[in-house]
Protein backbone atom coordinates (compact mmCIF):
# COMPACT_ATOMS: atom_id res chain seq x y z
CA UNK A 1 113.55 78.74 125.08
CA UNK A 2 117.10 79.92 125.70
CA UNK A 3 118.28 82.06 128.61
CA UNK A 4 121.57 83.85 129.23
CA UNK A 5 122.62 86.27 131.95
CA UNK A 6 124.97 89.11 131.05
CA UNK A 7 126.30 92.47 132.18
CA UNK A 8 126.11 95.62 130.04
CA UNK A 9 127.25 99.01 131.31
CA UNK A 10 127.53 97.60 134.82
CA UNK A 11 123.90 96.43 134.79
CA UNK A 12 122.75 92.84 134.92
CA UNK A 13 120.29 91.63 132.29
CA UNK A 14 118.83 88.32 131.17
CA UNK A 15 118.52 87.52 127.48
CA UNK A 16 115.50 85.34 126.77
CA UNK A 17 115.07 83.79 123.31
CA UNK A 18 111.96 82.06 121.91
CA UNK A 19 110.14 82.27 125.22
CA UNK A 20 106.55 82.74 124.00
CA UNK A 21 105.35 79.64 125.86
CA UNK A 22 106.21 81.36 129.16
CA UNK A 23 103.01 83.23 130.01
CA UNK A 24 104.55 85.80 132.35
CA UNK A 25 107.24 86.85 129.90
CA UNK A 26 104.88 86.68 126.93
CA UNK A 27 102.46 89.03 128.67
CA UNK A 28 105.34 91.44 129.38
CA UNK A 29 106.18 91.32 125.68
CA UNK A 30 102.54 91.87 124.70
CA UNK A 31 102.24 94.85 127.05
CA UNK A 32 105.36 96.48 125.61
CA UNK A 33 104.23 95.77 122.04
CA UNK A 34 100.87 97.39 122.71
CA UNK A 35 102.53 100.46 124.23
CA UNK A 36 104.74 100.87 121.15
CA UNK A 37 102.58 99.56 118.29
CA UNK A 38 99.00 99.30 119.64
CA UNK A 39 98.55 95.59 118.99
CA UNK A 40 99.67 92.40 120.72
CA UNK A 41 100.88 88.94 119.69
CA UNK A 42 98.52 87.18 122.10
CA UNK A 43 95.89 86.25 119.49
CA UNK A 44 98.68 84.86 117.33
CA UNK A 45 99.95 82.70 120.19
CA UNK A 46 96.45 81.52 121.11
CA UNK A 47 95.74 80.66 117.46
CA UNK A 48 98.35 77.91 117.60
CA UNK A 49 100.04 79.06 114.39
CA UNK A 50 103.00 80.85 115.94
CA UNK A 51 105.77 78.64 114.58
CA UNK A 52 109.54 78.41 114.96
CA UNK A 53 110.07 81.02 112.25
CA UNK A 54 109.04 83.86 114.61
CA UNK A 55 111.73 84.16 117.28
CA UNK A 56 111.69 86.60 120.19
CA UNK A 57 114.94 88.12 121.44
CA UNK A 58 114.35 90.13 124.63
CA UNK A 59 116.44 91.67 127.37
CA UNK A 60 114.92 91.66 130.85
CA UNK A 61 116.19 93.64 133.82
CA UNK A 62 114.80 91.62 136.68
CA UNK A 63 111.15 91.07 135.83
CA UNK A 64 110.95 94.05 133.45
CA UNK A 65 111.34 93.72 129.70
CA UNK A 66 113.53 96.63 128.59
CA UNK A 67 114.54 95.91 124.98
CA UNK A 68 113.32 93.60 122.25
CA UNK A 69 113.81 92.52 118.61
CA UNK A 70 111.86 89.85 116.72
CA UNK A 71 113.60 87.71 114.11
CA UNK A 72 111.32 86.28 111.42
CA UNK A 73 112.77 83.60 109.16
CA UNK A 74 111.84 83.17 105.50
CA UNK A 75 112.73 80.84 102.69
CA UNK A 76 112.55 83.26 99.79
CA UNK A 77 112.24 82.19 96.17
CA UNK A 78 113.53 84.47 93.45
CA UNK A 79 113.70 83.86 89.72
CA UNK A 80 116.93 81.88 89.92
CA UNK A 81 117.64 80.86 93.50
CA UNK A 82 116.40 80.11 96.98
CA UNK A 83 117.43 82.42 99.81
CA UNK A 84 117.22 81.99 103.55
CA UNK A 85 116.44 85.42 104.98
CA UNK A 86 115.81 87.02 108.33
CA UNK A 87 113.62 90.05 109.00
CA UNK A 88 114.21 92.15 112.08
CA UNK A 89 111.03 93.66 113.47
CA UNK A 90 109.09 94.80 116.54
CA UNK A 91 112.22 96.66 117.65
CA UNK A 92 111.56 98.32 121.02
CA UNK A 93 113.53 99.83 123.91
CA UNK A 94 112.03 101.42 126.99
CA UNK A 95 112.66 105.20 126.95
CA UNK A 96 114.49 104.85 130.28
CA UNK A 97 116.94 102.40 128.66
CA UNK A 98 117.73 104.03 125.31
CA UNK A 99 121.29 104.91 124.26
CA UNK A 100 122.68 102.12 126.43
CA UNK A 101 123.60 99.73 123.63
CA UNK A 102 120.74 97.30 124.26
CA UNK A 103 119.40 97.24 120.68
CA UNK A 104 122.96 96.86 119.43
CA UNK A 105 123.47 93.88 121.74
CA UNK A 106 120.27 92.21 120.52
CA UNK A 107 121.21 92.65 116.87
CA UNK A 108 124.69 91.30 117.48
CA UNK A 109 123.18 88.32 119.33
CA UNK A 110 120.95 87.59 116.34
CA UNK A 111 123.85 87.86 113.91
CA UNK A 112 126.01 85.62 116.06
CA UNK A 113 123.27 82.98 116.16
CA UNK A 114 122.16 83.12 112.52
CA UNK A 115 124.82 84.57 110.21
CA UNK A 116 125.95 81.08 109.21
CA UNK A 117 122.34 80.05 108.50
CA UNK A 118 121.03 83.06 106.58
CA UNK A 119 121.85 84.63 103.23
CA UNK A 120 120.73 88.10 104.24
CA UNK A 121 118.53 90.32 106.39
CA UNK A 122 115.99 93.09 105.89
CA UNK A 123 114.02 95.41 108.15
CA UNK A 124 111.69 98.38 108.07
CA UNK A 125 113.09 101.26 110.11
CA UNK A 126 111.18 104.14 111.61
CA UNK A 127 112.40 107.37 110.06
CA UNK A 128 113.64 108.59 113.44
CA UNK A 129 116.36 105.90 113.57
CA UNK A 130 117.69 105.93 110.01
CA UNK A 131 121.24 106.57 111.18
CA UNK A 132 121.33 103.47 113.40
CA UNK A 133 121.17 100.59 110.92
CA UNK A 134 123.98 101.64 108.54
CA UNK A 135 126.30 101.02 111.52
CA UNK A 136 125.50 97.32 110.99
CA UNK A 137 126.15 97.41 107.24
CA UNK A 138 122.48 97.81 106.31
CA UNK A 139 121.59 99.94 103.30
CA UNK A 140 118.40 101.86 102.56
CA UNK A 141 116.73 100.75 99.32
CA UNK A 142 113.63 101.93 97.50
CA UNK A 143 110.75 99.58 96.85
CA UNK A 144 108.58 99.70 93.72
CA UNK A 145 104.94 98.65 93.55
CA UNK A 146 103.29 97.03 90.53
CA UNK A 147 99.98 98.22 89.12
CA UNK A 148 98.13 98.27 85.83
CA UNK A 149 95.03 99.78 84.29
CA UNK A 150 92.02 97.50 84.38
CA UNK A 151 88.57 97.26 82.83
CA UNK A 152 86.23 94.53 84.01
CA UNK A 153 85.11 92.06 81.38
CA UNK A 154 82.06 89.78 81.44
CA UNK A 155 82.76 86.61 83.41
CA UNK A 156 80.95 83.48 84.55
CA UNK A 157 83.45 82.67 87.31
CA UNK A 158 82.04 82.61 90.83
CA UNK A 159 83.65 84.21 93.86
CA UNK A 160 83.34 82.82 97.38
CA UNK A 161 84.45 84.84 100.39
CA UNK A 162 86.02 82.57 102.97
CA UNK A 163 85.20 82.79 106.67
CA UNK A 164 88.19 81.41 108.55
CA UNK A 165 86.12 80.87 111.69
CA UNK A 166 84.50 78.06 109.69
CA UNK A 167 86.75 74.99 109.87
CA UNK A 168 86.08 74.01 106.24
CA UNK A 169 87.04 77.47 104.97
CA UNK A 170 90.10 77.53 107.25
CA UNK A 171 91.28 74.21 105.84
CA UNK A 172 90.73 75.50 102.30
CA UNK A 173 92.82 78.58 103.09
CA UNK A 174 95.57 76.40 104.54
CA UNK A 175 95.49 74.10 101.49
CA UNK A 176 96.31 77.04 99.25
CA UNK A 177 99.02 78.29 101.61
CA UNK A 178 100.71 74.89 101.61
CA UNK A 179 100.21 73.86 98.00
CA UNK A 180 99.66 77.04 96.03
CA UNK A 181 102.03 79.05 93.86
CA UNK A 182 102.21 82.81 94.30
CA UNK A 183 103.63 84.03 91.00
CA UNK A 184 105.77 86.35 93.10
CA UNK A 185 109.30 87.26 91.94
CA UNK A 186 110.58 87.89 95.48
CA UNK A 187 108.46 85.45 97.45
CA UNK A 188 108.71 85.76 101.24
CA UNK A 189 105.52 83.81 101.86
CA UNK A 190 105.18 82.63 105.46
CA UNK A 191 102.57 80.12 106.61
CA UNK A 192 102.71 81.55 110.13
CA UNK A 193 102.49 85.20 109.13
CA UNK A 194 99.56 84.47 106.79
CA UNK A 195 97.68 83.25 109.86
CA UNK A 196 98.92 86.22 111.90
CA UNK A 197 97.38 88.68 109.45
CA UNK A 198 94.36 86.77 108.17
CA UNK A 199 93.26 84.58 111.07
CA UNK A 200 94.65 85.62 114.44
CA UNK A 201 94.04 89.36 114.11
CA UNK A 202 90.68 90.10 112.45
CA UNK A 203 91.04 93.78 113.41
CA UNK A 204 93.75 94.11 110.75
CA UNK A 205 91.01 93.72 108.13
CA UNK A 206 92.37 90.83 106.09
CA UNK A 207 90.16 88.15 107.65
CA UNK A 208 87.23 89.51 105.62
CA UNK A 209 89.31 89.84 102.45
CA UNK A 210 89.94 86.21 101.47
CA UNK A 211 88.28 85.07 98.25
CA UNK A 212 88.20 81.75 96.44
CA UNK A 213 87.53 81.47 92.70
CA UNK A 214 86.89 77.72 92.50
CA UNK A 215 86.85 77.31 88.71
CA UNK A 216 90.33 78.85 88.53
CA UNK A 217 91.80 77.05 91.56
CA UNK A 218 92.85 80.49 92.77
CA UNK A 219 92.64 82.21 96.15
CA UNK A 220 93.03 85.97 96.57
CA UNK A 221 93.65 88.14 99.60
CA UNK A 222 92.29 91.40 98.28
CA UNK A 223 90.37 94.58 99.06
CA UNK A 224 88.46 97.13 97.04
CA UNK A 225 89.88 100.60 97.67
CA UNK A 226 87.74 103.13 95.78
CA UNK A 227 88.57 102.49 92.09
CA UNK A 228 91.51 100.19 92.88
CA UNK A 229 91.49 96.46 93.43
CA UNK A 230 94.31 95.87 95.91
CA UNK A 231 95.70 92.34 95.70
CA UNK A 232 97.80 91.55 98.75
CA UNK A 233 98.53 88.00 97.64
CA UNK A 234 97.33 85.46 95.08
CA UNK A 235 97.68 81.68 95.32
CA UNK A 236 96.95 79.28 92.47
CA UNK A 237 97.14 75.48 92.49
CA UNK A 238 97.72 74.69 88.83
CA UNK A 239 97.79 77.28 86.04
CA UNK A 240 98.55 80.94 86.60
CA UNK A 241 95.12 82.43 85.86
CA UNK A 242 95.34 85.29 88.32
CA UNK A 243 94.27 87.89 85.73
CA UNK A 244 91.00 86.00 85.28
CA UNK A 245 90.66 85.80 89.06
CA UNK A 246 91.23 89.56 89.34
CA UNK A 247 88.51 90.10 86.75
CA UNK A 248 86.09 87.86 88.65
CA UNK A 249 86.63 89.83 91.87
CA UNK A 250 86.66 93.31 90.30
CA UNK A 251 83.53 95.40 90.21
CA UNK A 252 82.27 97.92 87.66
CA UNK A 253 84.18 100.75 89.37
CA UNK A 254 87.55 99.01 89.27
CA UNK A 255 89.93 100.78 86.90
CA UNK A 256 93.27 99.68 88.32
CA UNK A 257 94.81 96.59 89.89
CA UNK A 258 97.52 97.25 92.50
CA UNK A 259 99.69 94.47 93.88
CA UNK A 260 101.16 94.05 97.35
CA UNK A 261 103.97 91.91 95.95
CA UNK A 262 106.23 91.82 92.87
CA UNK A 263 104.71 89.65 90.12
CA UNK A 264 106.47 87.37 87.69
CA UNK A 265 103.91 88.44 85.08
CA UNK A 266 104.71 91.28 82.71
CA UNK A 267 102.46 94.19 81.74
CA UNK A 268 102.71 96.10 85.01
CA UNK A 269 103.84 99.66 85.66
CA UNK A 270 106.14 100.16 88.64
CA UNK A 271 106.11 103.21 90.86
CA UNK A 272 108.27 104.05 93.90
CA UNK A 273 106.67 102.81 97.08
CA UNK A 274 107.34 103.81 100.67
CA UNK A 275 105.16 103.30 103.70
CA UNK A 276 104.70 106.42 105.79
CA UNK A 277 107.53 106.85 108.30
CA UNK A 278 109.22 103.58 107.29
CA UNK A 279 112.32 102.87 105.19
CA UNK A 280 113.41 99.45 103.97
CA UNK A 281 116.98 98.49 104.89
CA UNK A 282 118.71 95.39 103.54
CA UNK A 283 122.03 93.66 104.09
CA UNK A 284 124.57 93.84 101.23
CA UNK A 285 123.60 90.50 99.66
CA UNK A 286 120.09 91.80 98.91
CA UNK A 287 120.90 95.20 97.42
CA UNK A 288 120.97 93.99 93.81
CA UNK A 289 117.43 92.62 94.04
CA UNK A 290 116.14 96.15 94.62
CA UNK A 291 118.57 98.20 92.54
CA UNK A 292 118.67 96.10 89.36
CA UNK A 293 114.91 95.63 88.98
CA UNK A 294 111.76 96.96 90.66
CA UNK A 295 111.00 94.89 93.75
CA UNK A 296 109.01 95.12 96.97
CA UNK A 297 108.78 92.98 100.08
CA UNK A 298 105.29 91.39 100.03
CA UNK A 299 103.08 93.45 102.30
CA UNK A 300 101.83 90.43 104.23
CA UNK A 301 105.43 89.53 105.19
CA UNK A 302 106.07 92.64 107.24
CA UNK A 303 106.76 92.26 110.96
């Protein structure tokens, strides 16, 4: 935890960084997060999997949290290099404290602390604040999502749905997170965030969407959505047999596979993708990854 007192616009604030172990301040953060986004980070903290890659930057005025930004750190693997990236998320300012430069101060504090450690940044901006981030040299880019037509074939492979409340299944899940390959061209896989989505917050729906195909040494986080099989992430230990794993999990109604990440594999069609009311912004170093070839930030890496 780091703490710094400062004055902005003749008001005194305290900047607290990485303070989640402080219950009083964490509960203030959770309350503000629920007011803005209708979820909290408390289950994540209680799970024990909140690691050093999820860093809180908050301004307090006295005991009141008034502005916040979360920095999430990723080691991202592309086709030809390894990148150290930061995602800015959970951006919040109390309505009574907007237009006072507080969000600007938090972003500048993050840049001051991490610019020499990171190769670039990205964030998902609400469409009401699209004019704010270009002031910090962020650029809006369009994501593209991979999909392909699919027809289920006969298979003898078995599918086991994991229950992460069972310690054996949890350890299996963690084995794939630690040792598996993703076959993802822009891989922002995070051990902590995987637990955030799939373990700490069952209400998100992913906890019941984890499937193991033992014969293929492959684990899928996936959901059936009408005629689509939505694959949020795939992990394999040895050979890339994800197509066979998709076939094992598909049902007779499945006529398309849709991915929540950008695959290395060929044979996919790419279509523009944009979440409702959100636009992806990236720092200059990342623009080429989205403009020169179809790319998306893996859905389970969003904060």
